Amino acid sequence: SRDNAKNTVYLQMNSLKPEDTAVYYCATQS
């Protein structure tokens, strides 16, 4: 999800699994 008023994008992660272990990055497509 994103909140443009706050210039922020979110990633809500539920039911996490060990295979979700990683470094997470956000990125833009201008």
Full PDB file with SEQRES, HELIX, SHEET, SSBOND, CRYST1, ORIGX, SCALE, CONECT and MASTER records, all heavy atoms in Angstrom:
SEQRES   1 A   30  SER ARG ASP ASN ALA LYS ASN THR VAL TYR LEU GLN MET          
SEQRES   2 A   30  ASN SER LEU LYS PRO GLU ASP THR ALA VAL TYR TYR CYS          
SEQRES   3 A   30  ALA THR GLN SER                                              
HELIX    1 AA1 ASN A    4  LYS A    6  5                                   3    
HELIX    2 AA2 PRO A   18  ASP A   20  5                                   3    
SHEET    1 AA1 2 ARG A   2  ASP A   3  0                                        
SHEET    2 AA1 2 THR A   8  VAL A   9 -1                                        
CRYST1    1.000    1.000    1.000  90.00  90.00  90.00 P 1           1          
ORIGX1      1.000000  0.000000  0.000000        0.00000                         
ORIGX2      0.000000  1.000000  0.000000        0.00000                         
ORIGX3      0.000000  0.000000  1.000000        0.00000                         
SCALE1      1.000000  0.000000  0.000000        0.00000                         
SCALE2      0.000000  1.000000  0.000000        0.00000                         
SCALE3      0.000000  0.000000  1.000000        0.00000                         
ATOM      1  N   SER A   1       0.854  -1.179   0.000  1.00  0.00           N  
ATOM      2  CA  SER A   1       0.000   0.000   0.000  1.00  0.00           C  
ATOM      3  C   SER A   1       0.889   1.227   0.000  1.00  0.00           C  
ATOM      4  O   SER A   1       2.094   1.136   0.244  1.00  0.00           O  
ATOM      5  CB  SER A   1      -0.932  -0.002   1.218  1.00  0.00           C  
ATOM      6  OG  SER A   1      -0.185   0.045   2.414  1.00  0.00           O  
ATOM      7  N   ARG A   2       0.281   2.363  -0.270  1.00  0.00           N  
ATOM      8  CA  ARG A   2       1.050   3.604  -0.284  1.00  0.00           C  
ATOM      9  C   ARG A   2       0.228   4.735   0.295  1.00  0.00           C  
ATOM     10  O   ARG A   2      -1.006   4.749   0.182  1.00  0.00           O  
ATOM     11  CB  ARG A   2       1.509   3.942  -1.708  1.00  0.00           C  
ATOM     12  CG  ARG A   2       0.410   4.267  -2.691  1.00  0.00           C  
ATOM     13  CD  ARG A   2       0.960   4.342  -4.117  1.00  0.00           C  
ATOM     14  NE  ARG A   2       1.979   5.370  -4.254  1.00  0.00           N  
ATOM     15  CZ  ARG A   2       2.837   5.432  -5.266  1.00  0.00           C  
ATOM     16  NH1 ARG A   2       2.804   4.516  -6.220  1.00  0.00           N  
ATOM     17  NH2 ARG A   2       3.725   6.406  -5.332  1.00  0.00           N  
ATOM     18  N   ASP A   3       0.916   5.673   0.910  1.00  0.00           N  
ATOM     19  CA  ASP A   3       0.312   6.891   1.426  1.00  0.00           C  
ATOM     20  C   ASP A   3       1.048   8.040   0.764  1.00  0.00           C  
ATOM     21  O   ASP A   3       2.161   8.401   1.187  1.00  0.00           O  
ATOM     22  CB  ASP A   3       0.425   6.946   2.957  1.00  0.00           C  
ATOM     23  CG  ASP A   3      -0.292   8.131   3.555  1.00  0.00           C  
ATOM     24  OD1 ASP A   3      -0.505   9.139   2.841  1.00  0.00           O  
ATOM     25  OD2 ASP A   3      -0.625   8.067   4.742  1.00  0.00           O  
ATOM     26  N   ASN A   4       0.451   8.599  -0.277  1.00  0.00           N  
ATOM     27  CA  ASN A   4       1.154   9.638  -1.038  1.00  0.00           C  
ATOM     28  C   ASN A   4       1.346  10.915  -0.228  1.00  0.00           C  
ATOM     29  O   ASN A   4       2.295  11.667  -0.468  1.00  0.00           O  
ATOM     30  CB  ASN A   4       0.402   9.928  -2.337  1.00  0.00           C  
ATOM     31  CG  ASN A   4       0.474   8.772  -3.306  1.00  0.00           C  
ATOM     32  OD1 ASN A   4       1.459   8.033  -3.352  1.00  0.00           O  
ATOM     33  ND2 ASN A   4      -0.588   8.588  -4.092  1.00  0.00           N  
ATOM     34  N   ALA A   5       0.461  11.152   0.727  1.00  0.00           N  
ATOM     35  CA  ALA A   5       0.610  12.336   1.577  1.00  0.00           C  
ATOM     36  C   ALA A   5       1.849  12.231   2.462  1.00  0.00           C  
ATOM     37  O   ALA A   5       2.425  13.248   2.849  1.00  0.00           O  
ATOM     38  CB  ALA A   5      -0.635  12.519   2.432  1.00  0.00           C  
ATOM     39  N   LYS A   6       2.241  11.007   2.762  1.00  0.00           N  
ATOM     40  CA  LYS A   6       3.416  10.780   3.600  1.00  0.00           C  
ATOM     41  C   LYS A   6       4.632  10.337   2.802  1.00  0.00           C  
ATOM     42  O   LYS A   6       5.669  10.008   3.378  1.00  0.00           O  
ATOM     43  CB  LYS A   6       3.099   9.737   4.677  1.00  0.00           C  
ATOM     44  CG  LYS A   6       2.039  10.181   5.667  1.00  0.00           C  
ATOM     45  CD  LYS A   6       1.817   9.119   6.741  1.00  0.00           C  
ATOM     46  CE  LYS A   6       0.794   9.595   7.763  1.00  0.00           C  
ATOM     47  NZ  LYS A   6       0.553   8.579   8.823  1.00  0.00           N  
ATOM     48  N   ASN A   7       4.498  10.280   1.477  1.00  0.00           N  
ATOM     49  CA  ASN A   7       5.612   9.818   0.638  1.00  0.00           C  
ATOM     50  C   ASN A   7       6.139   8.471   1.102  1.00  0.00           C  
ATOM     51  O   ASN A   7       7.366   8.247   1.168  1.00  0.00           O  
ATOM     52  CB  ASN A   7       6.763  10.836   0.630  1.00  0.00           C  
ATOM     53  CG  ASN A   7       6.551  11.954  -0.383  1.00  0.00           C  
ATOM     54  OD1 ASN A   7       5.431  12.157  -0.842  1.00  0.00           O  
ATOM     55  ND2 ASN A   7       7.609  12.656  -0.715  1.00  0.00           N  
ATOM     56  N   THR A   8       5.236   7.558   1.409  1.00  0.00           N  
ATOM     57  CA  THR A   8       5.639   6.283   1.987  1.00  0.00           C  
ATOM     58  C   THR A   8       4.875   5.136   1.342  1.00  0.00           C  
ATOM     59  O   THR A   8       3.684   5.248   1.069  1.00  0.00           O  
ATOM     60  CB  THR A   8       5.395   6.274   3.510  1.00  0.00           C  
ATOM     61  OG1 THR A   8       6.129   7.349   4.110  1.00  0.00           O  
ATOM     62  CG2 THR A   8       5.839   4.961   4.133  1.00  0.00           C  
ATOM     63  N   VAL A   9       5.607   4.056   1.117  1.00  0.00           N  
ATOM     64  CA  VAL A   9       4.989   2.818   0.661  1.00  0.00           C  
ATOM     65  C   VAL A   9       5.231   1.759   1.742  1.00  0.00           C  
ATOM     66  O   VAL A   9       6.269   1.766   2.400  1.00  0.00           O  
ATOM     67  CB  VAL A   9       5.529   2.376  -0.710  1.00  0.00           C  
ATOM     68  CG1 VAL A   9       7.019   2.079  -0.653  1.00  0.00           C  
ATOM     69  CG2 VAL A   9       4.764   1.185  -1.247  1.00  0.00           C  
ATOM     70  N   TYR A  10       4.251   0.886   1.913  1.00  0.00           N  
ATOM     71  CA  TYR A  10       4.300  -0.116   2.980  1.00  0.00           C  
ATOM     72  C   TYR A  10       4.228  -1.525   2.395  1.00  0.00           C  
ATOM     73  O   TYR A  10       3.699  -1.740   1.315  1.00  0.00           O  
ATOM     74  CB  TYR A  10       3.129   0.074   3.940  1.00  0.00           C  
ATOM     75  CG  TYR A  10       3.043   1.448   4.554  1.00  0.00           C  
ATOM     76  CD1 TYR A  10       2.187   2.411   4.029  1.00  0.00           C  
ATOM     77  CD2 TYR A  10       3.817   1.788   5.662  1.00  0.00           C  
ATOM     78  CE1 TYR A  10       2.102   3.675   4.577  1.00  0.00           C  
ATOM     79  CE2 TYR A  10       3.740   3.048   6.224  1.00  0.00           C  
ATOM     80  CZ  TYR A  10       2.886   3.990   5.677  1.00  0.00           C  
ATOM     81  OH  TYR A  10       2.817   5.239   6.228  1.00  0.00           O  
ATOM     82  N   LEU A  11       4.744  -2.461   3.164  1.00  0.00           N  
ATOM     83  CA  LEU A  11       4.567  -3.873   2.855  1.00  0.00           C  
ATOM     84  C   LEU A  11       4.172  -4.572   4.144  1.00  0.00           C  
ATOM     85  O   LEU A  11       5.008  -4.753   5.030  1.00  0.00           O  
ATOM     86  CB  LEU A  11       5.835  -4.483   2.269  1.00  0.00           C  
ATOM     87  CG  LEU A  11       5.690  -5.925   1.778  1.00  0.00           C  
ATOM     88  CD1 LEU A  11       4.781  -5.978   0.552  1.00  0.00           C  
ATOM     89  CD2 LEU A  11       7.054  -6.539   1.458  1.00  0.00           C  
ATOM     90  N   GLN A  12       2.897  -4.913   4.242  1.00  0.00           N  
ATOM     91  CA  GLN A  12       2.399  -5.669   5.382  1.00  0.00           C  
ATOM     92  C   GLN A  12       2.616  -7.144   5.103  1.00  0.00           C  
ATOM     93  O   GLN A  12       2.118  -7.662   4.093  1.00  0.00           O  
ATOM     94  CB  GLN A  12       0.921  -5.390   5.616  1.00  0.00           C  
ATOM     95  CG  GLN A  12       0.310  -6.176   6.759  1.00  0.00           C  
ATOM     96  CD  GLN A  12       0.865  -5.790   8.114  1.00  0.00           C  
ATOM     97  OE1 GLN A  12       1.022  -4.611   8.411  1.00  0.00           O  
ATOM     98  NE2 GLN A  12       1.175  -6.787   8.934  1.00  0.00           N  
ATOM     99  N   MET A  13       3.356  -7.803   5.977  1.00  0.00           N  
ATOM    100  CA  MET A  13       3.702  -9.208   5.778  1.00  0.00           C  
ATOM    101  C   MET A  13       3.115 -10.032   6.905  1.00  0.00           C  
ATOM    102  O   MET A  13       3.483  -9.851   8.073  1.00  0.00           O  
ATOM    103  CB  MET A  13       5.226  -9.365   5.733  1.00  0.00           C  
ATOM    104  CG  MET A  13       5.902  -8.464   4.700  1.00  0.00           C  
ATOM    105  SD  MET A  13       7.668  -8.791   4.531  1.00  0.00           S  
ATOM    106  CE  MET A  13       8.241  -8.329   6.163  1.00  0.00           C  
ATOM    107  N   ASN A  14       2.200 -10.914   6.568  1.00  0.00           N  
ATOM    108  CA  ASN A  14       1.554 -11.793   7.533  1.00  0.00           C  
ATOM    109  C   ASN A  14       1.907 -13.244   7.240  1.00  0.00           C  
ATOM    110  O   ASN A  14       2.372 -13.572   6.148  1.00  0.00           O  
ATOM    111  CB  ASN A  14       0.037 -11.604   7.476  1.00  0.00           C  
ATOM    112  CG  ASN A  14      -0.401 -10.203   7.818  1.00  0.00           C  
ATOM    113  OD1 ASN A  14       0.231  -9.509   8.612  1.00  0.00           O  
ATOM    114  ND2 ASN A  14      -1.484  -9.760   7.206  1.00  0.00           N  
ATOM    115  N   SER A  15       1.663 -14.091   8.215  1.00  0.00           N  
ATOM    116  CA  SER A  15       1.916 -15.529   8.057  1.00  0.00           C  
ATOM    117  C   SER A  15       3.318 -15.778   7.500  1.00  0.00           C  
ATOM    118  O   SER A  15       3.503 -16.549   6.548  1.00  0.00           O  
ATOM    119  CB  SER A  15       0.863 -16.160   7.135  1.00  0.00           C  
ATOM    120  OG  SER A  15      -0.442 -15.945   7.636  1.00  0.00           O  
ATOM    121  N   LEU A  16       4.275 -15.140   8.104  1.00  0.00           N  
ATOM    122  CA  LEU A  16       5.647 -15.233   7.596  1.00  0.00           C  
ATOM    123  C   LEU A  16       6.197 -16.645   7.719  1.00  0.00           C  
ATOM    124  O   LEU A  16       5.878 -17.378   8.661  1.00  0.00           O  
ATOM    125  CB  LEU A  16       6.548 -14.234   8.321  1.00  0.00           C  
ATOM    126  CG  LEU A  16       6.377 -12.786   7.851  1.00  0.00           C  
ATOM    127  CD1 LEU A  16       6.908 -11.813   8.890  1.00  0.00           C  
ATOM    128  CD2 LEU A  16       7.069 -12.580   6.520  1.00  0.00           C  
ATOM    129  N   LYS A  17       7.037 -16.979   6.759  1.00  0.00           N  
ATOM    130  CA  LYS A  17       7.664 -18.298   6.694  1.00  0.00           C  
ATOM    131  C   LYS A  17       9.184 -18.129   6.707  1.00  0.00           C  
ATOM    132  O   LYS A  17       9.700 -17.081   6.292  1.00  0.00           O  
ATOM    133  CB  LYS A  17       7.251 -18.999   5.404  1.00  0.00           C  
ATOM    134  CG  LYS A  17       5.753 -19.127   5.192  1.00  0.00           C  
ATOM    135  CD  LYS A  17       5.444 -19.734   3.831  1.00  0.00           C  
ATOM    136  CE  LYS A  17       3.953 -19.843   3.597  1.00  0.00           C  
ATOM    137  NZ  LYS A  17       3.653 -20.442   2.268  1.00  0.00           N  
ATOM    138  N   PRO A  18       9.906 -19.154   7.129  1.00  0.00           N  
ATOM    139  CA  PRO A  18      11.374 -19.050   7.108  1.00  0.00           C  
ATOM    140  C   PRO A  18      11.918 -18.700   5.729  1.00  0.00           C  
ATOM    141  O   PRO A  18      12.929 -17.984   5.629  1.00  0.00           O  
ATOM    142  CB  PRO A  18      11.821 -20.440   7.565  1.00  0.00           C  
ATOM    143  CG  PRO A  18      10.702 -20.917   8.444  1.00  0.00           C  
ATOM    144  CD  PRO A  18       9.457 -20.385   7.808  1.00  0.00           C  
ATOM    145  N   GLU A  19      11.250 -19.138   4.684  1.00  0.00           N  
ATOM    146  CA  GLU A  19      11.729 -18.840   3.333  1.00  0.00           C  
ATOM    147  C   GLU A  19      11.515 -17.381   2.928  1.00  0.00           C  
ATOM    148  O   GLU A  19      11.972 -16.958   1.867  1.00  0.00           O  
ATOM    149  CB  GLU A  19      11.077 -19.757   2.293  1.00  0.00           C  
ATOM    150  CG  GLU A  19       9.572 -19.845   2.377  1.00  0.00           C  
ATOM    151  CD  GLU A  19       9.099 -21.049   3.181  1.00  0.00           C  
ATOM    152  OE1 GLU A  19       9.674 -21.338   4.255  1.00  0.00           O  
ATOM    153  OE2 GLU A  19       8.127 -21.702   2.722  1.00  0.00           O  
ATOM    154  N   ASP A  20      10.843 -16.608   3.765  1.00  0.00           N  
ATOM    155  CA  ASP A  20      10.713 -15.169   3.527  1.00  0.00           C  
ATOM    156  C   ASP A  20      11.942 -14.407   4.023  1.00  0.00           C  
ATOM    157  O   ASP A  20      12.049 -13.194   3.802  1.00  0.00           O  
ATOM    158  CB  ASP A  20       9.470 -14.608   4.208  1.00  0.00           C  
ATOM    159  CG  ASP A  20       8.177 -15.160   3.638  1.00  0.00           C  
ATOM    160  OD1 ASP A  20       8.076 -15.275   2.394  1.00  0.00           O  
ATOM    161  OD2 ASP A  20       7.266 -15.474   4.428  1.00  0.00           O  
ATOM    162  N   THR A  21      12.843 -15.084   4.692  1.00  0.00           N  
ATOM    163  CA  THR A  21      14.052 -14.442   5.200  1.00  0.00           C  
ATOM    164  C   THR A  21      14.884 -13.882   4.061  1.00  0.00           C  
ATOM    165  O   THR A  21      15.230 -14.591   3.115  1.00  0.00           O  
ATOM    166  CB  THR A  21      14.884 -15.449   6.012  1.00  0.00           C  
ATOM    167  OG1 THR A  21      14.148 -15.843   7.168  1.00  0.00           O  
ATOM    168  CG2 THR A  21      16.209 -14.835   6.436  1.00  0.00           C  
ATOM    169  N   ALA A  22      15.178 -12.581   4.139  1.00  0.00           N  
ATOM    170  CA  ALA A  22      15.922 -11.900   3.074  1.00  0.00           C  
ATOM    171  C   ALA A  22      16.121 -10.447   3.476  1.00  0.00           C  
ATOM    172  O   ALA A  22      15.528  -9.972   4.448  1.00  0.00           O  
ATOM    173  CB  ALA A  22      15.165 -11.967   1.751  1.00  0.00           C  
ATOM    174  N   VAL A  23      16.926  -9.758   2.692  1.00  0.00           N  
ATOM    175  CA  VAL A  23      16.970  -8.302   2.762  1.00  0.00           C  
ATOM    176  C   VAL A  23      15.908  -7.787   1.797  1.00  0.00           C  
ATOM    177  O   VAL A  23      15.863  -8.195   0.631  1.00  0.00           O  
ATOM    178  CB  VAL A  23      18.354  -7.739   2.383  1.00  0.00           C  
ATOM    179  CG1 VAL A  23      18.332  -6.219   2.401  1.00  0.00           C  
ATOM    180  CG2 VAL A  23      19.418  -8.287   3.332  1.00  0.00           C  
ATOM    181  N   TYR A  24      15.054  -6.911   2.298  1.00  0.00           N  
ATOM    182  CA  TYR A  24      13.955  -6.367   1.508  1.00  0.00           C  
ATOM    183  C   TYR A  24      14.302  -4.944   1.066  1.00  0.00           C  
ATOM    184  O   TYR A  24      14.738  -4.119   1.888  1.00  0.00           O  
ATOM    185  CB  TYR A  24      12.670  -6.371   2.316  1.00  0.00           C  
ATOM    186  CG  TYR A  24      12.050  -7.744   2.415  1.00  0.00           C  
ATOM    187  CD1 TYR A  24      12.642  -8.743   3.186  1.00  0.00           C  
ATOM    188  CD2 TYR A  24      10.883  -8.064   1.710  1.00  0.00           C  
ATOM    189  CE1 TYR A  24      12.095 -10.021   3.255  1.00  0.00           C  
ATOM    190  CE2 TYR A  24      10.327  -9.331   1.783  1.00  0.00           C  
ATOM    191  CZ  TYR A  24      10.944 -10.301   2.551  1.00  0.00           C  
ATOM    192  OH  TYR A  24      10.389 -11.564   2.617  1.00  0.00           O  
ATOM    193  N   TYR A  25      14.067  -4.686  -0.210  1.00  0.00           N  
ATOM    194  CA  TYR A  25      14.371  -3.390  -0.809  1.00  0.00           C  
ATOM    195  C   TYR A  25      13.119  -2.792  -1.439  1.00  0.00           C  
ATOM    196  O   TYR A  25      12.324  -3.508  -2.045  1.00  0.00           O  
ATOM    197  CB  TYR A  25      15.408  -3.538  -1.919  1.00  0.00           C  
ATOM    198  CG  TYR A  25      16.739  -4.108  -1.502  1.00  0.00           C  
ATOM    199  CD1 TYR A  25      16.949  -5.478  -1.495  1.00  0.00           C  
ATOM    200  CD2 TYR A  25      17.781  -3.275  -1.112  1.00  0.00           C  
ATOM    201  CE1 TYR A  25      18.179  -6.017  -1.122  1.00  0.00           C  
ATOM    202  CE2 TYR A  25      19.014  -3.796  -0.742  1.00  0.00           C  
ATOM    203  CZ  TYR A  25      19.196  -5.171  -0.755  1.00  0.00           C  
ATOM    204  OH  TYR A  25      20.409  -5.691  -0.377  1.00  0.00           O  
ATOM    205  N   CYS A  26      12.983  -1.475  -1.338  1.00  0.00           N  
ATOM    206  CA  CYS A  26      11.965  -0.796  -2.122  1.00  0.00           C  
ATOM    207  C   CYS A  26      12.662  -0.065  -3.268  1.00  0.00           C  
ATOM    208  O   CYS A  26      13.862   0.240  -3.197  1.00  0.00           O  
ATOM    209  CB  CYS A  26      11.140   0.164  -1.283  1.00  0.00           C  
ATOM    210  SG  CYS A  26      12.046   1.564  -0.610  1.00  0.00           S  
ATOM    211  N   ALA A  27      11.906   0.218  -4.315  1.00  0.00           N  
ATOM    212  CA  ALA A  27      12.477   0.831  -5.506  1.00  0.00           C  
ATOM    213  C   ALA A  27      11.394   1.610  -6.248  1.00  0.00           C  
ATOM    214  O   ALA A  27      10.204   1.330  -6.096  1.00  0.00           O  
ATOM    215  CB  ALA A  27      13.079  -0.231  -6.417  1.00  0.00           C  
ATOM    216  N   THR A  28      11.837   2.550  -7.069  1.00  0.00           N  
ATOM    217  CA  THR A  28      10.915   3.386  -7.833  1.00  0.00           C  
ATOM    218  C   THR A  28      11.055   3.130  -9.330  1.00  0.00           C  
ATOM    219  O   THR A  28      12.147   2.878  -9.843  1.00  0.00           O  
ATOM    220  CB  THR A  28      11.180   4.879  -7.602  1.00  0.00           C  
ATOM    221  OG1 THR A  28      12.494   5.203  -8.103  1.00  0.00           O  
ATOM    222  CG2 THR A  28      11.119   5.247  -6.143  1.00  0.00           C  
ATOM    223  N   GLN A  29       9.901   3.228  -9.997  1.00  0.00           N  
ATOM    224  CA  GLN A  29       9.854   3.320 -11.446  1.00  0.00           C  
ATOM    225  C   GLN A  29       9.355   4.707 -11.779  1.00  0.00           C  
ATOM    226  O   GLN A  29       8.179   4.991 -11.620  1.00  0.00           O  
ATOM    227  CB  GLN A  29       8.884   2.284 -12.032  1.00  0.00           C  
ATOM    228  CG  GLN A  29       9.429   0.918 -12.272  1.00  0.00           C  
ATOM    229  CD  GLN A  29       8.447   0.055 -13.045  1.00  0.00           C  
ATOM    230  OE1 GLN A  29       7.231   0.225 -12.981  1.00  0.00           O  
ATOM    231  NE2 GLN A  29       8.971  -0.920 -13.768  1.00  0.00           N  
ATOM    232  N   SER A  30      10.250   5.586 -12.207  1.00  0.00           N  
ATOM    233  CA  SER A  30       9.830   6.950 -12.515  1.00  0.00           C  
ATOM    234  C   SER A  30       9.031   7.007 -13.813  1.00  0.00           C  
ATOM    235  O   SER A  30       8.190   7.892 -13.988  1.00  0.00           O  
ATOM    236  CB  SER A  30      11.032   7.883 -12.591  1.00  0.00           C  
ATOM    237  OG  SER A  30      11.959   7.413 -13.552  1.00  0.00           O  
TER     238      SER A  30                                                      
MASTER        0    0    0    2    2    0    0    6  237    1    0    3          
END                                                                             
